[in-house]
Protein backbone atom coordinates (compact mmCIF):
# COMPACT_ATOMS: atom_id res chain seq x y z
CA MET A 1 -83.80 51.79 -14.69
CA HIS A 2 -84.98 53.18 -11.76
CA SER A 3 -87.82 52.98 -9.07
CA ARG A 4 -91.11 54.93 -9.58
CA SER A 5 -94.86 55.00 -8.30
CA GLU A 6 -97.42 56.18 -10.31
CA THR A 7 -101.17 57.02 -9.67
CA PHE A 8 -102.69 56.72 -13.16
CA VAL A 9 -106.35 58.48 -13.37
CA SER A 10 -108.25 56.86 -15.99
CA PRO A 11 -111.06 57.03 -17.71
CA VAL A 12 -114.78 54.58 -18.18
CA SER A 13 -113.76 52.10 -20.65
CA PRO A 14 -116.09 51.22 -23.29
CA PHE A 15 -116.69 48.16 -21.52
CA ASN A 16 -117.52 49.61 -18.52
CA GLN A 17 -119.15 53.00 -20.36
CA MET A 18 -121.64 50.21 -22.07
CA ALA A 19 -122.69 48.66 -18.47
CA VAL A 20 -123.13 52.50 -16.88
CA ASP A 21 -125.25 54.31 -19.93
CA LEU A 22 -126.36 51.12 -21.49
CA ARG A 23 -129.79 52.24 -23.48
CA LEU A 24 -132.45 49.93 -25.34
CA GLY A 25 -131.24 48.90 -28.24
CA PRO A 26 -134.60 48.66 -30.34
CA SER A 27 -137.97 50.87 -30.62
CA THR A 28 -139.17 50.90 -27.49
CA GLN A 29 -142.25 52.39 -28.84
CA GLY A 30 -145.44 51.66 -26.06
CA SER A 31 -143.05 51.07 -23.08
CA SER A 32 -142.77 53.90 -20.27
CA ARG A 33 -139.68 54.84 -19.18
CA ARG A 34 -138.64 56.22 -15.56
CA GLU A 35 -135.22 57.63 -14.60
CA ARG A 36 -134.91 55.52 -11.67
CA HIS A 37 -132.42 57.36 -8.76
CA ASN A 38 -129.50 55.06 -7.86
CA PRO A 39 -127.71 56.39 -4.81
CA CYS A 40 -125.10 53.42 -5.05
CA ALA A 41 -123.45 53.82 -8.32
CA ARG A 42 -120.07 56.01 -8.68
CA GLY A 43 -119.90 56.41 -12.57
CA SER A 44 -123.59 57.27 -13.39
CA SER A 45 -126.82 58.42 -11.12
CA TYR A 46 -129.66 56.99 -12.43
CA VAL A 47 -130.76 53.56 -14.28
CA ALA A 48 -132.54 53.69 -16.99
CA VAL A 49 -135.86 51.27 -16.19
CA PRO A 50 -138.01 50.49 -19.26
CA ASN A 51 -141.65 49.75 -18.44
CA ASP A 52 -144.00 50.19 -15.48
CA THR A 53 -144.17 46.39 -14.86
CA ILE A 54 -140.74 45.91 -14.69
CA ALA A 55 -140.19 48.99 -12.37
CA ALA A 56 -142.76 48.00 -9.51
CA ASP A 57 -141.02 44.89 -9.86
CA LEU A 58 -137.76 46.48 -9.30
CA ALA A 59 -138.82 48.22 -6.10
CA GLN A 60 -139.19 45.01 -4.12
CA PRO A 61 -136.05 43.69 -2.38
CA LEU A 62 -133.90 42.07 -5.16
CA SER A 63 -132.54 38.43 -4.66
CA GLN A 64 -131.12 36.39 -7.41
CA ALA A 65 -133.35 33.72 -6.80
CA ARG A 66 -135.76 36.44 -8.12
CA PHE A 67 -133.60 36.84 -11.86
CA PRO A 68 -135.15 34.39 -13.83
CA VAL A 69 -138.76 36.23 -13.01
CA LEU A 70 -137.62 39.17 -13.39
CA LEU A 71 -135.51 38.28 -16.72
CA GLU A 72 -139.17 36.51 -17.85
CA LYS A 73 -140.85 39.90 -17.21
CA ALA A 74 -138.24 41.98 -19.20
CA SER A 75 -137.94 39.50 -22.35
CA SER A 76 -142.19 40.06 -22.97
CA ALA A 77 -142.71 43.25 -22.10
CA GLU A 78 -142.32 44.12 -26.14
CA GLY A 79 -143.30 41.46 -28.65
CA ILE A 80 -141.25 42.47 -31.40
CA MET A 81 -138.34 42.78 -29.63
CA ASN A 82 -135.22 41.33 -30.91
CA ARG A 83 -132.72 39.17 -28.64
CA ILE A 84 -130.34 41.77 -28.24
CA GLY A 85 -133.02 44.13 -27.53
CA SER A 86 -134.20 41.30 -24.85
CA ARG A 87 -130.41 41.29 -23.25
CA CYS A 88 -130.62 44.88 -22.95
CA LEU A 89 -133.53 44.54 -20.67
CA SER A 90 -132.01 41.84 -18.94
CA VAL A 91 -128.63 43.54 -18.31
CA LEU A 92 -130.57 47.03 -17.23
CA VAL A 93 -132.41 44.40 -14.29
CA LEU A 94 -129.07 42.85 -13.48
CA LEU A 95 -127.91 46.78 -13.26
CA ALA A 96 -130.31 47.51 -10.99
CA ALA A 97 -130.02 44.56 -8.68
CA GLY A 98 -126.31 44.72 -8.61
CA THR A 99 -126.47 48.50 -7.58
CA LEU A 100 -129.13 47.86 -4.67
CA ALA A 101 -126.71 45.31 -3.38
CA ALA A 102 -123.81 47.79 -3.23
CA CYS A 103 -126.71 50.08 -0.84
CA LYS A 104 -126.23 47.00 1.74
CA CYS A 105 -122.23 47.57 1.63
CA ASN A 106 -120.56 48.76 5.14
CA SER A 107 -117.34 46.84 4.83
CA GLY A 108 -113.89 48.30 3.66
CA ASN A 109 -112.44 44.75 2.85
CA ARG A 110 -109.51 45.04 5.45
CA PRO A 111 -108.59 41.25 6.11
CA THR A 112 -109.64 40.21 9.52
CA GLY A 113 -108.00 36.49 9.47
CA THR A 114 -104.01 36.13 10.63
CA ILE A 115 -103.33 34.60 7.04
CA GLU A 116 -104.89 37.19 4.90
CA LYS A 117 -103.14 40.18 7.38
CA LYS A 118 -99.73 38.85 6.76
CA TYR A 119 -100.30 38.94 2.73
CA TYR A 120 -101.96 41.92 3.25
CA ALA A 121 -99.41 43.87 4.34
CA ALA A 122 -96.38 44.89 1.92
CA GLY A 123 -93.51 41.90 1.45
CA PRO A 124 -90.09 42.33 1.99
CA TRP A 125 -88.98 42.67 -1.69
CA ALA A 126 -89.66 46.86 -1.78
CA PRO A 127 -88.77 48.96 -3.20
CA ILE A 128 -90.04 48.09 -6.56
CA THR A 129 -88.87 49.26 -10.39
CA VAL A 130 -91.58 50.11 -12.78
CA SER A 131 -90.50 49.42 -17.14
CA ALA A 132 -92.89 50.41 -18.65
CA GLY A 133 -92.89 50.04 -22.66
CA VAL A 134 -89.09 48.95 -22.24
CA TYR A 135 -89.10 45.47 -23.37
CA CYS A 136 -90.86 44.28 -27.16
CA CYS A 137 -92.94 42.52 -28.17
CA ASP A 138 -95.49 39.99 -28.05
CA SER A 139 -96.91 38.25 -31.14
CA GLN A 140 -99.15 41.15 -31.81
CA ASN A 141 -96.30 43.69 -31.22
CA HIS A 142 -97.57 44.98 -28.14
CA LYS A 143 -94.43 46.05 -25.61
CA PHE A 144 -94.66 44.92 -22.10
CA ASP A 145 -95.19 46.67 -18.70
CA LEU A 146 -92.68 45.30 -15.64
CA TYR A 147 -92.85 45.23 -11.85
CA TYR A 148 -89.94 43.59 -10.18
CA PRO A 149 -87.91 43.94 -7.08
CA THR A 150 -84.90 46.46 -7.38
CA ASN A 151 -82.99 43.97 -5.41
CA LEU A 152 -83.65 41.47 -7.77
CA GLY A 153 -82.15 38.16 -7.57
CA ALA A 154 -80.59 38.77 -3.78
CA ASN A 155 -79.18 36.13 -1.82
CA GLY A 156 -79.35 33.75 -5.06
CA PHE A 157 -83.05 33.84 -4.63
CA LEU A 158 -84.84 32.75 -8.33
CA HIS A 159 -88.11 35.08 -8.52
CA PRO A 160 -91.80 33.21 -9.95
CA ILE A 161 -93.21 35.31 -12.50
CA ILE A 162 -96.95 36.37 -12.77
CA THR A 163 -98.05 37.59 -16.57
CA TRP A 164 -100.92 39.88 -16.07
CA GLY A 165 -103.94 40.07 -18.14
CA ASN A 166 -105.16 43.40 -18.92
CA GLY A 167 -109.59 44.13 -18.97
CA THR A 168 -111.10 45.33 -22.23
CA ALA A 169 -109.07 48.71 -23.33
CA GLY A 170 -107.17 48.46 -20.01
CA LYS A 171 -103.67 48.97 -19.12
CA ALA A 172 -101.16 47.35 -16.52
CA SER A 173 -100.83 51.53 -14.85
CA ASN A 174 -104.79 50.70 -13.89
CA VAL A 175 -104.08 48.27 -11.27
CA ALA A 176 -100.47 49.60 -10.64
CA TYR A 177 -101.39 49.86 -6.72
CA PHE A 178 -101.75 46.17 -6.88
CA LEU A 179 -99.44 44.82 -9.08
CA ASN A 180 -96.76 46.40 -6.94
CA HIS A 181 -97.95 44.53 -4.16
CA LEU A 182 -97.82 41.14 -5.73
CA ALA A 183 -94.10 42.49 -6.58
CA SER A 184 -93.02 43.47 -3.41
CA TRP A 185 -93.57 39.44 -2.02
CA GLY A 186 -90.96 38.55 -4.42
CA PHE A 187 -92.64 37.98 -8.40
CA VAL A 188 -91.52 39.71 -11.51
CA ILE A 189 -94.52 40.76 -12.86
CA ILE A 190 -94.81 41.48 -16.97
CA ALA A 191 -98.00 42.62 -18.06
CA THR A 192 -98.69 42.75 -21.92
CA GLU A 193 -100.40 46.05 -23.25
CA ASP A 194 -102.48 44.30 -25.59
CA ALA A 195 -105.83 46.18 -24.59
CA PHE A 196 -107.46 42.83 -25.77
CA THR A 197 -106.18 39.92 -23.85
CA GLY A 198 -109.45 37.52 -24.00
CA SER A 199 -107.49 34.70 -26.22
CA GLY A 200 -104.76 34.38 -23.76
CA GLN A 201 -102.03 34.86 -26.48
CA THR A 202 -100.39 37.69 -25.31
CA ILE A 203 -100.92 36.48 -21.80
CA LEU A 204 -98.72 33.96 -22.44
CA ASP A 205 -96.19 35.57 -24.78
CA ALA A 206 -95.40 37.66 -22.08
CA ALA A 207 -94.46 34.57 -19.82
CA ASN A 208 -92.42 33.21 -22.58
CA PHE A 209 -90.58 36.34 -23.12
CA LEU A 210 -88.89 36.28 -19.51
CA VAL A 211 -88.70 32.58 -20.04
CA GLN A 212 -86.18 33.67 -22.82
CA ALA A 213 -84.89 36.97 -20.52
CA ASN A 214 -83.74 34.13 -18.05
CA SER A 215 -81.30 32.33 -20.50
CA ASP A 216 -80.26 35.81 -22.27
CA SER A 217 -76.58 36.96 -20.50
CA SER A 218 -77.53 40.61 -21.54
CA SER A 219 -80.96 40.97 -19.59
CA VAL A 220 -80.86 42.17 -15.98
CA PHE A 221 -83.20 38.83 -15.47
CA TYR A 222 -80.23 36.40 -16.24
CA ARG A 223 -80.72 34.15 -14.09
CA LYS A 224 -82.69 35.67 -11.43
CA LEU A 225 -85.97 33.81 -12.31
CA ASN A 226 -87.95 30.36 -11.23
CA THR A 227 -89.08 29.86 -14.73
CA SER A 228 -90.58 26.45 -13.35
CA GLN A 229 -93.13 28.96 -11.57
CA ILE A 230 -95.08 30.70 -13.41
CA GLY A 231 -98.97 32.61 -12.77
CA ALA A 232 -101.27 34.23 -14.98
CA VAL A 233 -103.29 36.50 -13.50
CA GLY A 234 -106.08 39.13 -15.08
CA ALA A 235 -109.40 41.02 -14.79
CA SER A 236 -112.20 41.32 -16.45
CA GLN A 237 -111.47 40.37 -20.19
CA GLY A 238 -107.73 39.36 -19.12
CA ALA A 239 -109.21 36.98 -16.75
CA GLY A 240 -110.76 34.65 -19.11
CA GLY A 241 -107.04 35.46 -20.81
CA ALA A 242 -105.59 34.30 -18.03
CA ALA A 243 -107.18 31.21 -17.63
CA ASN A 244 -107.04 30.83 -21.48
CA ALA A 245 -103.22 31.49 -21.33
CA LEU A 246 -103.26 28.54 -18.72
CA ILE A 247 -104.67 26.21 -20.77
CA LYS A 248 -102.69 26.88 -24.05
CA SER A 249 -99.31 26.98 -22.20
CA ALA A 250 -99.11 22.87 -21.79
CA GLY A 251 -97.47 22.91 -18.38
CA THR A 252 -95.52 25.96 -18.47
CA ILE A 253 -98.12 28.31 -16.02
CA LYS A 254 -98.86 26.65 -13.18
CA THR A 255 -101.76 28.68 -11.78
CA ALA A 256 -103.85 31.59 -12.51
CA ILE A 257 -106.58 34.41 -10.97
CA PRO A 258 -109.33 34.75 -13.01
CA ILE A 259 -110.76 38.31 -11.17
CA GLU A 260 -114.03 39.14 -12.37
CA LEU A 261 -114.39 36.75 -14.90
CA PRO A 262 -117.59 37.75 -16.86
CA ALA A 263 -120.38 35.52 -17.64
CA HIS A 264 -120.15 33.63 -20.93
CA MET A 265 -122.88 35.79 -22.42
CA TRP A 266 -120.25 39.05 -22.26
CA CYS A 267 -117.66 36.94 -24.96
CA THR A 268 -117.59 37.93 -28.36
CA LEU A 269 -114.37 35.76 -29.39
CA GLY A 270 -116.07 32.86 -30.44
CA PRO A 271 -114.05 29.97 -29.96
CA ASP A 272 -111.72 31.97 -28.39
CA CYS A 273 -114.01 32.40 -25.17
CA LEU A 274 -112.72 30.35 -22.15
CA ASP A 275 -114.02 27.22 -21.37
CA THR A 276 -113.18 25.69 -17.82
CA HIS A 277 -114.11 22.08 -18.73
CA ASN A 278 -110.58 22.36 -20.70
CA LEU A 279 -108.79 23.53 -17.56
CA THR A 280 -107.06 20.44 -17.38
CA SER A 281 -103.87 20.84 -15.46
CA GLY A 282 -102.73 23.29 -12.71
CA SER A 283 -104.86 25.57 -10.83
CA VAL A 284 -106.94 28.06 -10.65
CA PHE A 285 -108.72 30.76 -7.86
CA PHE A 286 -111.87 32.25 -9.10
CA ILE A 287 -112.52 35.85 -7.31
CA ASP A 288 -115.59 38.19 -8.17
CA GLY A 289 -117.42 41.34 -5.93
CA SER A 290 -120.90 40.54 -4.41
CA SER A 291 -121.78 43.99 -6.34
CA ASP A 292 -120.80 42.61 -9.78
CA ILE A 293 -123.53 40.70 -10.62
CA LEU A 294 -123.92 42.98 -13.99
CA ILE A 295 -121.07 41.29 -15.53
CA SER A 296 -119.64 38.37 -12.86
CA PRO A 297 -122.16 37.21 -11.23
CA PRO A 298 -121.21 34.35 -8.20
CA ASN A 299 -123.84 32.40 -8.73
CA GLN A 300 -126.17 30.34 -11.86
CA PRO A 301 -129.67 31.84 -11.50
CA PRO A 302 -131.96 28.72 -11.47
CA GLY A 303 -132.82 27.54 -15.15
CA VAL A 304 -130.43 28.84 -16.61
CA THR A 305 -127.56 27.00 -18.35
CA GLY A 306 -123.56 27.41 -19.59
CA LEU A 307 -121.23 29.41 -18.06
CA GLU A 308 -122.90 32.17 -17.06
CA SER A 309 -121.56 32.37 -13.26
CA ILE A 310 -118.51 32.36 -11.65
CA GLU A 311 -119.99 29.15 -9.58
CA ALA A 312 -120.77 27.72 -13.03
CA TYR A 313 -117.16 27.97 -14.44
CA TYR A 314 -115.65 27.08 -11.39
CA ASN A 315 -118.28 23.49 -11.10
CA ALA A 316 -116.55 22.99 -15.18
CA VAL A 317 -113.07 22.79 -13.94
CA PRO A 318 -112.69 19.17 -13.82
CA ALA A 319 -112.21 17.89 -10.53
CA GLY A 320 -108.74 16.28 -10.14
CA VAL A 321 -107.69 19.76 -10.80
CA PRO A 322 -106.88 22.33 -7.23
CA LYS A 323 -109.81 24.81 -7.51
CA LEU A 324 -110.96 27.88 -5.31
CA LYS A 325 -113.62 30.25 -5.27
CA GLY A 326 -114.69 33.14 -3.68
CA THR A 327 -116.78 36.29 -3.59
CA LEU A 328 -115.59 39.58 -1.73
CA ILE A 329 -118.73 40.91 -0.17
CA CYS A 330 -119.21 44.85 -1.89
CA PRO A 331 -116.75 45.29 -4.42
CA ASN A 332 -117.91 45.70 -7.86
CA HIS A 333 -115.81 45.80 -11.30
CA ASN A 334 -113.02 47.78 -11.16
CA ASP A 335 -112.08 47.50 -7.21
CA ILE A 336 -109.32 45.83 -8.37
CA THR A 337 -108.51 49.33 -10.08
CA GLY A 338 -108.21 51.09 -7.07
CA GLN A 339 -105.26 52.98 -5.89
CA PRO A 340 -105.57 51.73 -3.46
CA ASP A 341 -109.27 53.28 -2.83
CA CYS A 342 -111.93 54.16 -5.12
CA LEU A 343 -110.93 57.97 -5.92
CA THR A 344 -108.96 57.39 -9.21
CA ALA A 345 -109.98 53.91 -9.60
CA MET A 346 -112.24 53.09 -12.97
CA PRO A 347 -115.66 53.05 -12.36
CA PRO A 348 -117.86 50.81 -10.97
CA CYS A 349 -115.80 50.80 -8.06
CA VAL A 350 -116.74 50.44 -3.94
CA ASN A 351 -114.34 49.98 -1.93
CA GLY A 352 -110.82 49.64 -3.76
CA VAL A 353 -108.01 47.25 -4.26
CA TYR A 354 -108.22 46.19 -0.16
CA GLY A 355 -110.12 42.78 -0.71
CA TYR A 356 -107.91 41.62 -3.54
CA LEU A 357 -104.56 41.74 -1.63
CA GLY A 358 -104.43 39.35 0.99
CA TYR A 359 -105.71 35.82 -0.49
CA PRO A 360 -104.87 36.39 -4.01
CA THR A 361 -101.14 36.98 -2.45
CA ALA A 362 -101.30 34.21 -0.44
CA TRP A 363 -102.82 31.96 -3.06
CA LEU A 364 -99.47 32.94 -5.31
CA MET A 365 -97.23 32.33 -1.93
CA ASP A 366 -98.80 29.29 -1.83
CA ARG A 367 -98.69 27.55 -5.43
CA LEU A 368 -95.36 29.36 -6.72
CA GLN A 369 -93.29 29.86 -3.64
CA GLY A 370 -94.07 26.72 -1.70
CA ASP A 371 -95.50 28.98 0.96
CA THR A 372 -97.10 26.20 3.23
CA TYR A 373 -98.53 29.03 5.83
CA ALA A 374 -100.28 30.22 3.28
CA HIS A 375 -101.81 27.00 2.03
CA GLY A 376 -103.77 26.74 5.15
CA ALA A 377 -105.74 29.72 4.35
CA PHE A 378 -107.75 27.24 1.47
CA VAL A 379 -108.07 23.87 2.88
CA ASN A 380 -111.75 22.79 2.32
CA GLY A 381 -113.80 23.10 5.15
CA THR A 382 -111.22 24.65 7.52
CA GLY A 383 -109.12 27.19 5.36
CA GLU A 384 -109.17 30.74 7.15
CA ILE A 385 -110.85 31.77 4.31
CA PHE A 386 -113.46 30.13 5.07
CA SER A 387 -114.02 31.62 8.49
CA GLU A 388 -113.71 35.49 7.15
CA THR A 389 -117.50 36.08 6.33
CA ARG A 390 -117.28 39.71 6.94
CA ASN A 391 -115.39 39.84 3.84
CA TRP A 392 -115.98 36.53 2.12
CA GLU A 393 -119.08 34.71 0.73
CA TYR A 394 -120.02 31.42 -1.59
CA VAL A 395 -116.68 29.85 -1.07
CA ALA A 396 -115.90 26.59 -2.36
CA SER A 397 -112.39 24.46 -2.33
CA ASN A 398 -111.52 21.05 -3.14
CA ILE A 399 -107.73 21.82 -1.52
């Protein structure tokens, strides 16, 4: 094994291409169609806006409070449009809102708080070894990618485990900067190469692989892991998968960080769609970006029921489970793939990975390494994250 670093240029995934290139499904006869210039989107220059009435509405200032009104107009614009067509129109409204919100961003998400700054910096365990596709396999026969400190087990340290969940059609190398950063803080990261991780099973399989490796005298990980301290982290579909893995683990996984968790309307997994009412043990930190209104909206629009926002997912977690949520100001659905900026990231990306380094690392240090200094960032009302209003909004905690 050897240490190496990678910069990966990724194509647009099918999930994100849908968001960028969405078109109306059923017939749009009788409606006019405009191409509205979008100065903020990285993956597309235009947003298609059907119907003059909706287009006129979109020319006005947009806020989440106005979404239900706009959605009602979008749905009634075509009396013969079926449910799928109505959903497409709704998505177009939300997409326009998200891209206009991104225009207001002027922060690079660099940390401002003392605690956040500490964990934003690289940790003491660099350099990092990357092992791609060497170890096998999860229950669906996918190999694993690993990121871990090269000086594994130095001074008798037992490394906590992080199991990563890919977004739709994604791979661990898409988030290599983020995973290397976590590894620099003493975590051993394992990522299934499964590109559809929403059920959480292959994410849990990956964690169990390392638990077994810790007892295998032929493994490089032999007696070097803290198998009682395991976390799950994932983005997009993998965000739901990470939380599902925690639920399925029966206590093996102690905490989860779902990043850019899609609203329930996007889930096609049936009974495997995440229901956070079932998250009855461990702890969870929900993170989304303020520009990701299309897929992972921070707040539940009035009159909308179900798990259709980070707010709704958070509120559904039982009160006895430690939980935290926060919205990063500016990032969109794929800023987590920054390396570290958006130059080689998957679109849409506004700033890059910067905002996802500090507090997520601090959370894992608190939850899996007993770091009391990191814990101070998250205490309800007085924690540092509550005062960091330059980069964070809609923060809530029961800690």
